[in-house]
Amino acid sequence: MRVRATIAYDGTEYCGWQVQPNGISVQEVVNAGLSKLLGEEITCVGASRTDAGVHSMGNEILFETKTRIPADKIAYALNQYLPEDIVCQGSSQAADDFHPRFSESYKTYEYRILNRRFPMPTMRRDSLFYHYDLDEKRMQEAADCLLGEHDFSSFASIHAQSKTRVRTIYQALVSRNADDLITIRLCGDGFLYNMVRIIAGTLIEVGAGITSPRAFQQILEGMNRELAGPTAPAHGLTQVGLHYLTPAEIACRKALK
């Protein structure tokens, strides 16, 4: 049986999603929990390979099992084998053609910045504290140029291994709430390694008056990582949404291209 499940996690204590030799990963913990629950060796595949310290409200995974436990009940049982900072949000039997990484989808990330004079201890794990004044309107003006299809080489780590650095951004919003939490929300068909964090770091420079909105657009057009700002710290980043396209949505996307 092929099973898909949604895994949410606080990434603070982990070296990222993907299994690696230099620390404990979220994937490693989920694999171990599934293996204990199902009594067989399980290796799951995840949709997003988040970096160390990055959080997720729902990373989609896929695995195969011989269990007789109904697919929709696995989530409840799995949580008994997971720590408090990793929680399965649901499970179901996967369609034969579903793959968390290769099925067409769009992902939504949020980078959160607490912009005030003093930090808030309850927000230290999922937002960046930045005490210098930031102008979120300037940041939004700059972010507007991200919409559409572009080569995002300027906002990709030099270690990015993707065949193409062209991505499409459907939503780029910068907002501030009453608690002075600035949220950079990006929704797109995919993101390069460190792309959201580099965009966030560069937008912070725009908000601080170091870089102009026009210069931000020139950075995008320059397709050179050296032009952009620093990579913002990982703990401010959360994967907040992952939507797989229906056949009708896929047809509509192709018609618009």
Protein backbone atom coordinates (compact mmCIF):
# COMPACT_ATOMS: atom_id res chain seq x y z
CA MET A 1 0.00 0.00 0.00
CA ARG A 2 1.23 3.48 -0.89
CA VAL A 3 0.52 5.99 1.88
CA ARG A 4 0.84 9.76 1.87
CA ALA A 5 0.95 11.76 5.08
CA THR A 6 1.38 15.36 6.19
CA ILE A 7 4.18 16.05 8.68
CA ALA A 8 4.46 19.31 10.65
CA TYR A 9 7.56 20.10 12.66
CA ASP A 10 9.52 22.65 14.64
CA GLY A 11 12.91 22.41 12.95
CA THR A 12 14.93 23.99 15.77
CA GLU A 13 16.56 20.80 17.01
CA TYR A 14 17.14 19.16 13.63
CA CYS A 15 19.78 19.36 10.91
CA GLY A 16 17.05 19.71 8.29
CA TRP A 17 14.49 17.42 6.69
CA GLN A 18 16.77 15.07 4.78
CA VAL A 19 18.78 12.24 6.38
CA GLN A 20 22.44 13.25 6.64
CA PRO A 21 25.53 12.16 8.60
CA ASN A 22 26.10 15.35 10.60
CA GLY A 23 23.05 15.25 12.87
CA ILE A 24 19.50 14.09 13.51
CA SER A 25 17.05 14.98 10.72
CA VAL A 26 13.26 15.13 10.68
CA GLN A 27 13.12 12.44 8.00
CA GLU A 28 15.26 10.13 10.14
CA VAL A 29 12.91 10.50 13.11
CA VAL A 30 9.81 9.94 10.95
CA ASN A 31 11.37 6.86 9.32
CA ALA A 32 12.18 5.42 12.75
CA GLY A 33 8.64 6.10 14.02
CA LEU A 34 7.03 4.49 10.99
CA SER A 35 9.34 1.47 11.17
CA LYS A 36 8.50 0.87 14.84
CA LEU A 37 4.77 1.33 14.24
CA LEU A 38 4.54 -0.87 11.16
CA GLY A 39 7.13 -3.49 12.10
CA GLU A 40 9.07 -3.14 8.85
CA GLU A 41 11.84 -0.94 7.49
CA ILE A 42 10.25 2.26 6.16
CA THR A 43 11.94 5.03 4.21
CA CYS A 44 9.69 7.95 3.33
CA VAL A 45 10.15 10.53 0.59
CA GLY A 46 9.37 14.16 1.39
CA ALA A 47 8.16 17.01 -0.80
CA SER A 48 10.42 19.71 0.63
CA ARG A 49 13.98 19.26 1.84
CA THR A 50 14.00 22.08 4.36
CA ASP A 51 17.30 23.30 5.82
CA ALA A 52 18.50 22.99 9.41
CA GLY A 53 16.32 25.07 11.72
CA VAL A 54 13.52 25.63 9.17
CA HIS A 55 9.97 24.76 10.23
CA SER A 56 7.01 23.25 8.40
CA MET A 57 3.28 23.28 8.96
CA GLY A 58 2.86 20.35 6.60
CA ASN A 59 5.51 18.58 4.54
CA GLU A 60 3.94 15.85 2.39
CA ILE A 61 5.56 12.41 2.51
CA LEU A 62 5.07 9.12 0.68
CA PHE A 63 6.00 5.58 1.76
CA GLU A 64 5.10 1.99 0.98
CA THR A 65 3.98 -0.53 3.60
CA LYS A 66 2.57 -4.05 3.92
CA THR A 67 0.51 -3.12 6.99
CA ARG A 68 -3.17 -3.89 7.36
CA ILE A 69 -3.74 -0.68 9.33
CA PRO A 70 -6.11 1.54 7.31
CA ALA A 71 -4.18 4.37 5.70
CA ASP A 72 -6.28 7.07 7.36
CA LYS A 73 -5.56 5.62 10.83
CA ILE A 74 -1.78 5.58 10.49
CA ALA A 75 -1.45 9.28 11.39
CA TYR A 76 -3.06 8.77 14.81
CA ALA A 77 -0.87 5.76 15.60
CA LEU A 78 2.32 7.33 14.24
CA ASN A 79 2.11 10.30 16.62
CA GLN A 80 2.60 7.90 19.54
CA TYR A 81 6.09 7.22 18.15
CA LEU A 82 7.09 10.82 17.41
CA PRO A 83 8.47 13.57 19.69
CA GLU A 84 6.39 16.64 20.52
CA ASP A 85 8.11 18.80 17.90
CA ILE A 86 7.09 16.50 15.02
CA VAL A 87 3.39 15.75 14.49
CA CYS A 88 1.62 13.91 11.69
CA GLN A 89 -1.39 15.96 10.60
CA GLY A 90 -3.13 13.26 8.58
CA SER A 91 -2.65 10.25 6.31
CA SER A 92 -4.42 8.59 3.39
CA GLN A 93 -3.88 6.05 0.64
CA ALA A 94 -1.91 7.62 -2.18
CA ALA A 95 -2.97 7.58 -5.80
CA ASP A 96 -0.78 5.45 -8.07
CA ASP A 97 0.60 8.50 -9.88
CA PHE A 98 1.26 10.63 -6.80
CA HIS A 99 4.79 11.64 -5.87
CA PRO A 100 5.44 14.34 -3.23
CA ARG A 101 8.33 15.89 -5.14
CA PHE A 102 7.40 15.39 -8.78
CA SER A 103 3.61 15.81 -8.86
CA GLU A 104 2.80 19.36 -9.98
CA SER A 105 2.23 21.68 -7.04
CA TYR A 106 2.80 25.08 -5.62
CA LYS A 107 4.44 25.80 -2.28
CA THR A 108 4.01 28.66 0.16
CA TYR A 109 6.70 29.88 2.54
CA GLU A 110 6.64 32.63 5.14
CA TYR A 111 9.62 34.45 6.57
CA ARG A 112 8.77 36.20 9.84
CA ILE A 113 10.60 39.19 11.29
CA LEU A 114 9.81 40.62 14.74
CA ASN A 115 10.57 44.30 14.17
CA ARG A 116 10.46 46.06 17.54
CA ARG A 117 12.77 47.40 20.22
CA PHE A 118 12.83 44.29 22.39
CA PRO A 119 12.54 40.59 21.53
CA MET A 120 9.61 38.42 22.57
CA PRO A 121 10.81 35.14 24.09
CA THR A 122 7.77 33.17 22.93
CA MET A 123 8.59 34.06 19.30
CA ARG A 124 12.32 33.34 19.35
CA ARG A 125 12.08 29.96 17.64
CA ASP A 126 10.10 30.89 14.53
CA SER A 127 10.86 34.55 13.82
CA LEU A 128 13.94 36.71 13.34
CA PHE A 129 14.30 39.57 15.83
CA TYR A 130 15.40 42.77 14.09
CA HIS A 131 15.36 45.94 16.20
CA TYR A 132 16.27 48.54 13.55
CA ASP A 133 13.33 50.21 11.82
CA LEU A 134 12.01 48.45 8.72
CA ASP A 135 9.65 49.99 6.16
CA GLU A 136 7.36 47.18 5.05
CA LYS A 137 5.89 49.34 2.27
CA ARG A 138 9.31 49.68 0.64
CA MET A 139 9.76 45.93 1.05
CA GLN A 140 6.42 45.28 -0.68
CA GLU A 141 7.33 47.65 -3.52
CA ALA A 142 10.50 45.65 -4.07
CA ALA A 143 8.77 42.27 -3.73
CA ASP A 144 6.29 43.13 -6.49
CA CYS A 145 8.97 42.51 -9.13
CA LEU A 146 9.25 38.87 -8.03
CA LEU A 147 5.84 38.01 -9.49
CA GLY A 148 5.83 35.91 -12.62
CA GLU A 149 8.47 33.71 -14.24
CA HIS A 150 12.11 34.71 -13.71
CA ASP A 151 15.60 33.33 -13.49
CA PHE A 152 16.28 33.55 -9.75
CA SER A 153 20.04 32.98 -9.91
CA SER A 154 20.62 36.13 -7.83
CA PHE A 155 18.61 34.59 -5.00
CA ALA A 156 20.00 31.05 -5.15
CA SER A 157 22.85 29.61 -3.12
CA ILE A 158 25.99 28.88 -5.10
CA HIS A 159 25.43 25.29 -3.98
CA ALA A 160 22.03 25.02 -5.69
CA GLN A 161 22.07 21.97 -7.97
CA SER A 162 18.85 22.47 -9.96
CA LYS A 163 19.04 22.08 -13.74
CA THR A 164 17.28 25.42 -14.20
CA ARG A 165 16.99 28.43 -11.95
CA VAL A 166 13.78 29.62 -13.57
CA ARG A 167 10.82 29.61 -11.21
CA THR A 168 7.34 31.19 -11.19
CA ILE A 169 6.14 33.23 -8.21
CA TYR A 170 2.36 33.63 -7.89
CA GLN A 171 2.24 35.64 -4.68
CA ALA A 172 4.76 37.96 -2.99
CA LEU A 173 3.29 39.77 0.01
CA VAL A 174 4.90 41.76 2.82
CA SER A 175 2.69 42.69 5.77
CA ARG A 176 3.00 43.93 9.36
CA ASN A 177 0.54 43.05 12.11
CA ALA A 178 -0.33 44.88 15.33
CA ASP A 179 2.47 43.06 17.19
CA ASP A 180 5.10 44.41 14.74
CA LEU A 181 5.59 41.02 13.14
CA ILE A 182 6.54 41.50 9.50
CA THR A 183 5.69 38.49 7.31
CA ILE A 184 7.17 37.90 3.86
CA ARG A 185 4.87 35.41 2.12
CA LEU A 186 5.99 33.78 -1.12
CA CYS A 187 3.99 31.26 -3.14
CA GLY A 188 5.47 29.61 -6.22
CA ASP A 189 5.86 26.48 -8.30
CA GLY A 190 9.19 25.74 -6.62
CA PHE A 191 12.10 27.32 -4.79
CA LEU A 192 15.85 27.04 -5.20
CA TYR A 193 18.22 26.18 -2.37
CA ASN A 194 18.15 29.09 0.14
CA MET A 195 16.05 31.16 -2.29
CA VAL A 196 13.44 32.38 0.23
CA ARG A 197 16.06 33.17 2.85
CA ILE A 198 18.18 35.18 0.39
CA ILE A 199 15.11 37.08 -0.80
CA ALA A 200 14.23 37.78 2.84
CA GLY A 201 17.76 38.96 3.64
CA THR A 202 17.73 41.30 0.64
CA LEU A 203 14.25 42.63 1.44
CA ILE A 204 15.42 43.41 4.97
CA GLU A 205 18.12 45.60 3.43
CA VAL A 206 15.41 47.32 1.36
CA GLY A 207 13.28 47.88 4.46
CA ALA A 208 16.27 49.28 6.33
CA GLY A 209 17.02 51.75 3.52
CA ILE A 210 20.31 50.09 2.55
CA THR A 211 18.94 49.02 -0.84
CA SER A 212 16.22 50.70 -2.93
CA PRO A 213 13.24 48.89 -4.45
CA ARG A 214 14.61 49.72 -7.90
CA ALA A 215 17.99 48.25 -6.96
CA PHE A 216 16.20 45.09 -5.76
CA GLN A 217 14.71 44.68 -9.23
CA GLN A 218 18.15 45.19 -10.77
CA ILE A 219 19.50 42.48 -8.46
CA LEU A 220 16.84 40.07 -9.78
CA GLU A 221 17.63 40.99 -13.37
CA GLY A 222 21.38 40.69 -12.78
CA MET A 223 21.16 36.90 -12.18
CA ASN A 224 24.24 37.02 -9.94
CA ARG A 225 24.24 35.84 -6.32
CA GLU A 226 26.95 38.37 -5.41
CA LEU A 227 24.50 41.21 -6.08
CA ALA A 228 21.94 40.13 -3.47
CA GLY A 229 21.95 40.56 0.29
CA PRO A 230 22.77 38.04 3.02
CA THR A 231 20.98 34.76 3.61
CA ALA A 232 18.53 35.40 6.45
CA PRO A 233 18.77 33.00 9.44
CA ALA A 234 16.90 29.72 9.06
CA HIS A 235 14.72 29.94 12.17
CA GLY A 236 12.55 32.70 10.69
CA LEU A 237 11.40 30.49 7.80
CA THR A 238 8.34 28.24 7.80
CA GLN A 239 6.83 26.18 5.01
CA VAL A 240 3.16 27.01 5.53
CA GLY A 241 1.41 25.43 2.57
CA LEU A 242 1.71 22.80 -0.13
CA HIS A 243 -1.01 22.40 -2.75
CA TYR A 244 -1.03 19.67 -5.40
CA LEU A 245 -2.74 20.68 -8.61
CA THR A 246 -5.87 18.93 -9.84
CA PRO A 247 -6.03 17.83 -13.51
CA ALA A 248 -8.17 20.91 -14.24
CA GLU A 249 -5.61 23.22 -12.62
CA ILE A 250 -2.78 21.59 -14.57
CA ALA A 251 -4.69 22.09 -17.83
CA CYS A 252 -5.34 25.73 -16.93
CA ARG A 253 -1.66 26.32 -16.12
CA LYS A 254 -0.59 24.85 -19.48
CA ALA A 255 -3.15 26.97 -21.33
CA LEU A 256 -1.77 30.15 -19.76
CA LYS A 257 1.82 29.43 -20.79
